[in-house]
């Protein structure tokens, strides 16, 4: 189970950090993803961080967003800087991994709202 937090209202140009904490008996988190869905638009992948360090960002957020993870605390973060109006969306964390019983999982957080104002 994933619990996302950190969303809110921020002015354009500002910063915010989202967090996503996983609960349960997690053995490994292979991939942590952050997605977002703006009103009337499809959900899009914003950032992806794989075990081993491979990171990918959507072109729209490159240079502004940074994804990171704290494996010991089963937490992933999305640091968002230089926010723009078009970043307004509901942000979802998504983790692929295995439990301590080696069961594969693909879990989603409940979403946290980011609103960027002018």
C-alpha atoms as a PDB file:
ATOM      1  CA  UNK A   1       0.000   0.000   0.000  1.00  0.00           C
ATOM      2  CA  UNK A   2       1.301   3.427  -0.936  1.00  0.00           C
ATOM      3  CA  UNK A   3       0.518   6.721   0.770  1.00  0.00           C
ATOM      4  CA  UNK A   4       1.313   9.869  -1.161  1.00  0.00           C
ATOM      5  CA  UNK A   5       1.486  13.298   0.419  1.00  0.00           C
ATOM      6  CA  UNK A   6       2.883  16.769  -0.058  1.00  0.00           C
ATOM      7  CA  UNK A   7       0.546  18.225  -2.618  1.00  0.00           C
ATOM      8  CA  UNK A   8      -0.958  21.649  -2.233  1.00  0.00           C
ATOM      9  CA  UNK A   9      -1.304  25.112  -3.672  1.00  0.00           C
ATOM     10  CA  UNK A  10       1.852  26.881  -4.786  1.00  0.00           C
ATOM     11  CA  UNK A  11       2.595  29.937  -6.883  1.00  0.00           C
ATOM     12  CA  UNK A  12       4.231  29.634 -10.254  1.00  0.00           C
ATOM     13  CA  UNK A  13       7.975  29.520  -9.870  1.00  0.00           C
ATOM     14  CA  UNK A  14       7.724  27.893  -6.486  1.00  0.00           C
ATOM     15  CA  UNK A  15       8.768  24.484  -5.247  1.00  0.00           C
ATOM     16  CA  UNK A  16       7.154  21.525  -3.593  1.00  0.00           C
ATOM     17  CA  UNK A  17       8.213  18.033  -2.628  1.00  0.00           C
ATOM     18  CA  UNK A  18       5.932  15.047  -2.870  1.00  0.00           C
ATOM     19  CA  UNK A  19       6.480  11.932  -0.782  1.00  0.00           C
ATOM     20  CA  UNK A  20       5.230   8.415  -1.160  1.00  0.00           C
ATOM     21  CA  UNK A  21       5.629   5.879   1.612  1.00  0.00           C
ATOM     22  CA  UNK A  22       5.152   2.180   1.044  1.00  0.00           C
ATOM     23  CA  UNK A  23       3.857  -0.061   3.763  1.00  0.00           C
ATOM     24  CA  UNK A  24       4.006  -3.798   4.075  1.00  0.00           C
ATOM     25  CA  UNK A  25       6.700  -6.406   3.785  1.00  0.00           C
ATOM     26  CA  UNK A  26       8.657  -5.084   0.874  1.00  0.00           C
ATOM     27  CA  UNK A  27      11.798  -6.883  -0.160  1.00  0.00           C
ATOM     28  CA  UNK A  28      12.809  -4.701  -3.064  1.00  0.00           C
ATOM     29  CA  UNK A  29      11.458  -1.755  -5.021  1.00  0.00           C
ATOM     30  CA  UNK A  30      12.579  -2.263  -8.610  1.00  0.00           C
ATOM     31  CA  UNK A  31      11.022   0.805 -10.130  1.00  0.00           C
ATOM     32  CA  UNK A  32       9.459   3.885  -8.583  1.00  0.00           C
ATOM     33  CA  UNK A  33       7.380   6.036 -10.871  1.00  0.00           C
ATOM     34  CA  UNK A  34       5.543   9.311 -10.548  1.00  0.00           C
ATOM     35  CA  UNK A  35       2.618   9.932 -12.853  1.00  0.00           C
ATOM     36  CA  UNK A  36       0.254  12.855 -13.118  1.00  0.00           C
ATOM     37  CA  UNK A  37      -3.162  13.478 -14.552  1.00  0.00           C
ATOM     38  CA  UNK A  38      -4.422  16.930 -15.359  1.00  0.00           C
ATOM     39  CA  UNK A  39      -8.130  17.640 -15.824  1.00  0.00           C
ATOM     40  CA  UNK A  40      -9.324  16.379 -19.174  1.00  0.00           C
ATOM     41  CA  UNK A  41      -6.000  14.777 -20.000  1.00  0.00           C
ATOM     42  CA  UNK A  42      -4.578  11.295 -19.936  1.00  0.00           C
ATOM     43  CA  UNK A  43      -2.328  10.168 -17.146  1.00  0.00           C
ATOM     44  CA  UNK A  44       1.326  10.668 -18.048  1.00  0.00           C
ATOM     45  CA  UNK A  45       4.576   9.334 -16.659  1.00  0.00           C
ATOM     46  CA  UNK A  46       6.562  12.180 -15.149  1.00  0.00           C
ATOM     47  CA  UNK A  47       9.592  10.469 -13.634  1.00  0.00           C
ATOM     48  CA  UNK A  48      10.950   6.977 -13.242  1.00  0.00           C
ATOM     49  CA  UNK A  49      13.782   5.687 -11.079  1.00  0.00           C
ATOM     50  CA  UNK A  50      15.050   2.131 -11.395  1.00  0.00           C
ATOM     51  CA  UNK A  51      17.201   0.047  -9.132  1.00  0.00           C
ATOM     52  CA  UNK A  52      20.709   0.679 -10.347  1.00  0.00           C
ATOM     53  CA  UNK A  53      20.089   4.364 -10.772  1.00  0.00           C
ATOM     54  CA  UNK A  54      18.560   4.731 -14.230  1.00  0.00           C
ATOM     55  CA  UNK A  55      16.343   7.815 -14.212  1.00  0.00           C
ATOM     56  CA  UNK A  56      13.984   9.104 -16.855  1.00  0.00           C
ATOM     57  CA  UNK A  57      11.912  12.253 -16.945  1.00  0.00           C
ATOM     58  CA  UNK A  58       9.188  13.537 -19.199  1.00  0.00           C
ATOM     59  CA  UNK A  59      10.536  16.284 -21.422  1.00  0.00           C
ATOM     60  CA  UNK A  60       8.136  18.744 -19.824  1.00  0.00           C
ATOM     61  CA  UNK A  61       9.782  18.411 -16.406  1.00  0.00           C
ATOM     62  CA  UNK A  62      13.439  17.808 -17.238  1.00  0.00           C
ATOM     63  CA  UNK A  63      15.699  20.130 -15.311  1.00  0.00           C
ATOM     64  CA  UNK A  64      12.929  21.064 -12.897  1.00  0.00           C
ATOM     65  CA  UNK A  65      11.854  17.813 -11.223  1.00  0.00           C
ATOM     66  CA  UNK A  66      14.027  15.336  -9.357  1.00  0.00           C
ATOM     67  CA  UNK A  67      12.971  11.844  -8.339  1.00  0.00           C
ATOM     68  CA  UNK A  68      14.714  10.060  -5.492  1.00  0.00           C
ATOM     69  CA  UNK A  69      14.203   7.146  -3.151  1.00  0.00           C
ATOM     70  CA  UNK A  70      15.031   6.069   0.365  1.00  0.00           C
ATOM     71  CA  UNK A  71      15.016   2.291   0.272  1.00  0.00           C
ATOM     72  CA  UNK A  72      15.510   1.876   4.003  1.00  0.00           C
ATOM     73  CA  UNK A  73      12.344   3.841   4.695  1.00  0.00           C
ATOM     74  CA  UNK A  74      10.478   2.552   1.625  1.00  0.00           C
ATOM     75  CA  UNK A  75       9.901   6.091   0.469  1.00  0.00           C
ATOM     76  CA  UNK A  76      10.144   7.884  -2.831  1.00  0.00           C
ATOM     77  CA  UNK A  77      10.208  11.632  -3.374  1.00  0.00           C
ATOM     78  CA  UNK A  78       9.493  14.000  -6.224  1.00  0.00           C
ATOM     79  CA  UNK A  79      11.136  17.375  -5.791  1.00  0.00           C
ATOM     80  CA  UNK A  80       9.464  19.908  -8.053  1.00  0.00           C
ATOM     81  CA  UNK A  81      11.076  23.275  -8.714  1.00  0.00           C
ATOM     82  CA  UNK A  82      10.238  26.196 -10.995  1.00  0.00           C
ATOM     83  CA  UNK A  83       6.644  25.079 -11.062  1.00  0.00           C
ATOM     84  CA  UNK A  84       4.439  26.134 -13.944  1.00  0.00           C
ATOM     85  CA  UNK A  85       0.704  26.454 -14.318  1.00  0.00           C
ATOM     86  CA  UNK A  86       0.726  23.398 -16.569  1.00  0.00           C
ATOM     87  CA  UNK A  87       2.124  21.273 -13.747  1.00  0.00           C
ATOM     88  CA  UNK A  88      -1.271  21.431 -12.073  1.00  0.00           C
ATOM     89  CA  UNK A  89      -2.494  17.852 -11.789  1.00  0.00           C
ATOM     90  CA  UNK A  90      -3.109  14.967  -9.464  1.00  0.00           C
ATOM     91  CA  UNK A  91       0.191  13.192  -8.885  1.00  0.00           C
ATOM     92  CA  UNK A  92       0.363   9.453  -8.333  1.00  0.00           C
ATOM     93  CA  UNK A  93       3.234   7.323  -7.126  1.00  0.00           C
ATOM     94  CA  UNK A  94       3.620   3.816  -8.470  1.00  0.00           C
ATOM     95  CA  UNK A  95       6.068   1.170  -7.329  1.00  0.00           C
ATOM     96  CA  UNK A  96       6.988  -2.161  -8.885  1.00  0.00           C
ATOM     97  CA  UNK A  97       8.763  -4.602  -6.635  1.00  0.00           C
ATOM     98  CA  UNK A  98       8.651  -7.813  -4.647  1.00  0.00           C
ATOM     99  CA  UNK A  99       7.488  -8.572  -1.144  1.00  0.00           C
ATOM    100  CA  UNK A 100       9.529 -10.501   1.387  1.00  0.00           C
ATOM    101  CA  UNK A 101       7.699 -13.614   0.222  1.00  0.00           C
ATOM    102  CA  UNK A 102       8.956 -12.746  -3.292  1.00  0.00           C
ATOM    103  CA  UNK A 103       5.511 -11.922  -4.601  1.00  0.00           C
ATOM    104  CA  UNK A 104       5.628  -9.332  -7.335  1.00  0.00           C
ATOM    105  CA  UNK A 105       3.561  -6.219  -6.802  1.00  0.00           C
ATOM    106  CA  UNK A 106       2.582  -3.133  -8.767  1.00  0.00           C
ATOM    107  CA  UNK A 107       1.058  -0.649  -6.361  1.00  0.00           C
ATOM    108  CA  UNK A 108      -0.387   2.819  -6.792  1.00  0.00           C
ATOM    109  CA  UNK A 109      -0.819   5.602  -4.320  1.00  0.00           C
ATOM    110  CA  UNK A 110      -4.110   7.436  -3.940  1.00  0.00           C
ATOM    111  CA  UNK A 111      -2.952  10.614  -5.645  1.00  0.00           C
ATOM    112  CA  UNK A 112      -2.117  14.015  -4.272  1.00  0.00           C
ATOM    113  CA  UNK A 113      -3.286  17.273  -5.836  1.00  0.00           C
ATOM    114  CA  UNK A 114      -0.853  19.949  -6.957  1.00  0.00           C
ATOM    115  CA  UNK A 115      -2.290  23.287  -7.984  1.00  0.00           C
ATOM    116  CA  UNK A 116      -0.007  25.952  -9.369  1.00  0.00           C
ATOM    117  CA  UNK A 117      -1.391  29.472  -9.370  1.00  0.00           C
ATOM    118  CA  UNK A 118      -0.268  32.571 -11.235  1.00  0.00           C
END
